[in-house]
Amino acid sequence: MLSNFLTSRQDRIISIDIGSIVPRSQNKDNFLDKAFTKMAEGIVKVMPIASKEKEAYLYYRKGLAAQNDGDYSEALEYYEESLKLEDNQVDRGETLKNMAIIYMSNGDEDRALNTYKKALEQNPKQPSCLKNMGLIYEKRGRIAQRNGNQDEGDIWFDQAADVWSKAVRLYPGGYLDIENWLKTTGRGNVDVYL
């Protein structure tokens, strides 16, 4: 087992727990995250809300913890369970957004786009969904342009500008790099920056 690494030094055997050899800040962050999760679970258990809503939240928290640990398949399973139970549109939108982030990081851009769209149907006031959709569109525009297809590139860039303009309106000053791109490419409207 990797967690117990044995080495000998002058005929002594020293056991080292590799799991405990982590930077202090990472160890502290992990402790704080676990402590927060336990506190949140305790609070949710005593809150006067329906058990279905509590269970949905606990699945969401487990999904978020798994996502933060990089265990994306486990996170998606928990998020799916949360969606089966969750009725609140804002919470459903947040869960779908997190799922889309996983799909995007795994390179499944089409699935990410579809999931971001579903998240926006549940909660249209999520600028980060729009921002991430724009990142995909802009990337596709650059690829098309690099391959010599300027017309296709312009279509993707226009789609990026459309969603990014909406994101900037929802979160003014929050995406300065996007605002700059909209200005420098001439694809943004003046009212976006006001």
Protein backbone atom coordinates (compact mmCIF):
# COMPACT_ATOMS: atom_id res chain seq x y z
CA MET A 1 0.00 0.00 0.00
CA LEU A 2 1.37 3.41 -0.98
CA SER A 3 0.27 5.16 2.18
CA ASN A 4 2.83 3.23 4.20
CA PHE A 5 6.28 3.51 2.71
CA LEU A 6 8.96 1.53 4.46
CA THR A 7 12.61 2.41 4.40
CA SER A 8 15.52 1.17 6.42
CA ARG A 9 18.24 3.29 7.91
CA GLN A 10 20.96 1.71 9.99
CA ASP A 11 18.91 -1.45 10.50
CA ARG A 12 15.85 0.50 11.66
CA ILE A 13 12.58 0.47 9.79
CA ILE A 14 10.81 3.77 9.60
CA SER A 15 7.18 3.96 8.52
CA ILE A 16 6.19 7.12 6.69
CA ASP A 17 2.55 7.92 5.94
CA ILE A 18 2.74 9.50 2.49
CA GLY A 19 -0.80 10.84 2.89
CA SER A 20 0.39 13.06 5.71
CA ILE A 21 3.17 14.63 3.63
CA VAL A 22 1.26 17.50 2.10
CA PRO A 23 1.92 21.21 2.18
CA ARG A 24 0.57 22.80 5.34
CA SER A 25 -1.78 25.11 3.44
CA GLN A 26 -3.30 22.20 1.51
CA ASN A 27 -3.70 20.20 4.72
CA LYS A 28 -5.39 23.20 6.38
CA ASP A 29 -7.68 23.77 3.39
CA ASN A 30 -8.71 20.14 3.41
CA PHE A 31 -9.41 20.33 7.15
CA LEU A 32 -11.45 23.50 6.74
CA ASP A 33 -13.42 22.04 3.84
CA LYS A 34 -14.19 18.88 5.80
CA ALA A 35 -15.11 20.90 8.88
CA PHE A 36 -17.42 23.14 6.85
CA THR A 37 -19.02 20.12 5.21
CA LYS A 38 -19.70 18.50 8.58
CA MET A 39 -21.12 21.75 9.99
CA ALA A 40 -23.32 22.25 6.92
CA GLU A 41 -24.59 18.68 7.15
CA GLY A 42 -25.42 19.20 10.83
CA ILE A 43 -27.22 22.47 10.17
CA VAL A 44 -29.21 20.99 7.30
CA LYS A 45 -30.33 18.08 9.47
CA VAL A 46 -31.93 20.39 12.06
CA MET A 47 -33.40 22.92 9.63
CA PRO A 48 -37.18 22.88 9.28
CA ILE A 49 -37.22 21.91 5.61
CA ALA A 50 -38.54 18.85 3.83
CA SER A 51 -36.35 15.76 3.96
CA LYS A 52 -36.29 15.63 0.15
CA GLU A 53 -34.72 19.11 0.04
CA LYS A 54 -32.23 18.16 2.74
CA GLU A 55 -31.23 15.05 0.85
CA ALA A 56 -30.85 17.03 -2.38
CA TYR A 57 -28.56 19.50 -0.62
CA LEU A 58 -26.46 16.75 0.95
CA TYR A 59 -25.99 15.10 -2.46
CA TYR A 60 -25.01 18.50 -3.87
CA ARG A 61 -22.44 19.06 -1.08
CA LYS A 62 -20.98 15.58 -1.63
CA GLY A 63 -20.77 16.30 -5.35
CA LEU A 64 -19.04 19.60 -4.69
CA ALA A 65 -16.54 17.94 -2.33
CA ALA A 66 -15.81 15.21 -4.89
CA GLN A 67 -15.41 17.83 -7.63
CA ASN A 68 -12.99 19.81 -5.47
CA ASP A 69 -11.01 16.60 -4.88
CA GLY A 70 -10.85 15.99 -8.64
CA ASP A 71 -13.09 12.91 -8.55
CA TYR A 72 -15.32 14.04 -11.41
CA SER A 73 -17.16 10.78 -12.02
CA GLU A 74 -18.20 10.59 -8.36
CA ALA A 75 -19.17 14.28 -8.42
CA LEU A 76 -21.40 13.74 -11.45
CA GLU A 77 -23.13 10.81 -9.73
CA TYR A 78 -23.89 12.94 -6.67
CA TYR A 79 -25.06 15.85 -8.82
CA GLU A 80 -27.40 13.54 -10.75
CA GLU A 81 -28.91 12.32 -7.47
CA SER A 82 -29.31 15.91 -6.30
CA LEU A 83 -31.12 16.86 -9.51
CA LYS A 84 -33.59 13.99 -9.05
CA LEU A 85 -34.63 15.46 -5.71
CA GLU A 86 -34.17 19.21 -6.15
CA ASP A 87 -37.20 21.35 -7.07
CA ASN A 88 -35.67 24.80 -6.56
CA GLN A 89 -34.72 26.23 -9.96
CA VAL A 90 -31.81 28.31 -8.66
CA ASP A 91 -30.31 25.27 -6.93
CA ARG A 92 -30.89 23.10 -10.00
CA GLY A 93 -29.15 25.73 -12.11
CA GLU A 94 -26.13 25.74 -9.78
CA THR A 95 -25.90 21.95 -9.89
CA LEU A 96 -26.14 21.91 -13.68
CA LYS A 97 -23.48 24.63 -13.91
CA ASN A 98 -21.08 22.50 -11.85
CA MET A 99 -21.78 19.51 -14.07
CA ALA A 100 -21.07 21.62 -17.15
CA ILE A 101 -17.75 22.74 -15.64
CA ILE A 102 -16.78 19.08 -15.28
CA TYR A 103 -17.77 18.29 -18.87
CA MET A 104 -15.82 21.32 -20.07
CA SER A 105 -12.70 20.35 -18.13
CA ASN A 106 -12.97 16.82 -19.53
CA GLY A 107 -13.03 18.23 -23.07
CA ASP A 108 -16.66 17.34 -23.78
CA GLU A 109 -17.52 20.83 -25.02
CA ASP A 110 -20.81 19.96 -26.72
CA ARG A 111 -22.15 18.34 -23.58
CA ALA A 112 -20.86 21.27 -21.54
CA LEU A 113 -22.67 23.75 -23.81
CA ASN A 114 -25.93 21.80 -23.59
CA THR A 115 -25.65 21.59 -19.81
CA TYR A 116 -24.86 25.31 -19.49
CA LYS A 117 -27.99 26.01 -21.54
CA LYS A 118 -30.05 23.81 -19.21
CA ALA A 119 -28.56 25.63 -16.22
CA LEU A 120 -29.56 28.98 -17.74
CA GLU A 121 -33.09 27.69 -18.35
CA GLN A 122 -33.33 26.99 -14.62
CA ASN A 123 -31.62 30.22 -13.56
CA PRO A 124 -30.89 32.80 -16.28
CA LYS A 125 -28.87 34.98 -13.90
CA GLN A 126 -25.67 32.94 -13.95
CA PRO A 127 -23.00 35.01 -15.68
CA SER A 128 -20.37 32.32 -15.21
CA CYS A 129 -22.37 29.96 -17.45
CA LEU A 130 -22.43 32.60 -20.16
CA LYS A 131 -18.73 33.33 -19.67
CA ASN A 132 -17.79 29.67 -20.02
CA MET A 133 -20.00 29.19 -23.08
CA GLY A 134 -18.22 32.15 -24.63
CA LEU A 135 -14.85 30.58 -23.90
CA ILE A 136 -15.87 27.52 -25.90
CA TYR A 137 -17.24 29.60 -28.78
CA GLU A 138 -14.17 31.84 -28.86
CA LYS A 139 -11.84 28.82 -28.85
CA ARG A 140 -13.76 27.30 -31.77
CA GLY A 141 -13.50 30.61 -33.59
CA ARG A 142 -9.73 30.68 -33.16
CA ILE A 143 -9.45 27.08 -34.38
CA ALA A 144 -11.57 27.82 -37.46
CA GLN A 145 -9.53 30.93 -38.17
CA ARG A 146 -6.26 29.01 -37.74
CA ASN A 147 -7.56 26.45 -40.25
CA GLY A 148 -8.19 29.22 -42.76
CA ASN A 149 -11.97 29.36 -42.38
CA GLN A 150 -12.58 33.01 -41.52
CA ASP A 151 -16.36 32.87 -42.10
CA GLU A 152 -16.81 29.99 -39.68
CA GLY A 153 -14.51 31.73 -37.23
CA ASP A 154 -16.62 34.88 -37.39
CA ILE A 155 -19.78 32.88 -36.65
CA TRP A 156 -18.15 31.41 -33.52
CA PHE A 157 -16.78 34.82 -32.48
CA ASP A 158 -20.23 36.37 -32.89
CA GLN A 159 -21.72 33.66 -30.66
CA ALA A 160 -19.01 34.34 -28.08
CA ALA A 161 -19.76 38.06 -28.24
CA ASP A 162 -23.48 37.40 -27.77
CA VAL A 163 -23.11 35.36 -24.58
CA TRP A 164 -20.24 37.45 -23.25
CA SER A 165 -22.27 40.65 -23.68
CA LYS A 166 -25.01 39.07 -21.56
CA ALA A 167 -22.46 37.97 -18.96
CA VAL A 168 -20.99 41.46 -18.70
CA ARG A 169 -24.47 42.95 -18.25
CA LEU A 170 -25.18 40.51 -15.41
CA TYR A 171 -21.78 41.06 -13.78
CA PRO A 172 -20.52 44.55 -14.65
CA GLY A 173 -16.83 44.96 -14.03
CA GLY A 174 -16.44 41.27 -13.23
CA TYR A 175 -15.02 40.18 -16.55
CA LEU A 176 -12.61 42.91 -17.59
CA ASP A 177 -10.76 40.62 -20.00
CA ILE A 178 -14.03 39.85 -21.77
CA GLU A 179 -15.01 43.53 -21.85
CA ASN A 180 -11.62 44.25 -23.40
CA TRP A 181 -12.11 41.50 -26.01
CA LEU A 182 -15.57 42.88 -26.89
CA LYS A 183 -14.12 46.37 -27.31
CA THR A 184 -11.00 45.42 -29.26
CA THR A 185 -12.83 43.10 -31.65
CA GLY A 186 -15.64 45.60 -32.22
CA ARG A 187 -18.20 42.95 -31.29
CA GLY A 188 -19.51 44.64 -28.16
CA ASN A 189 -22.27 47.20 -27.81
CA VAL A 190 -21.60 50.48 -26.04
CA ASP A 191 -24.32 49.78 -23.46
CA VAL A 192 -22.44 46.68 -22.28
CA TYR A 193 -19.80 48.83 -20.60
CA LEU A 194 -22.11 51.26 -18.84
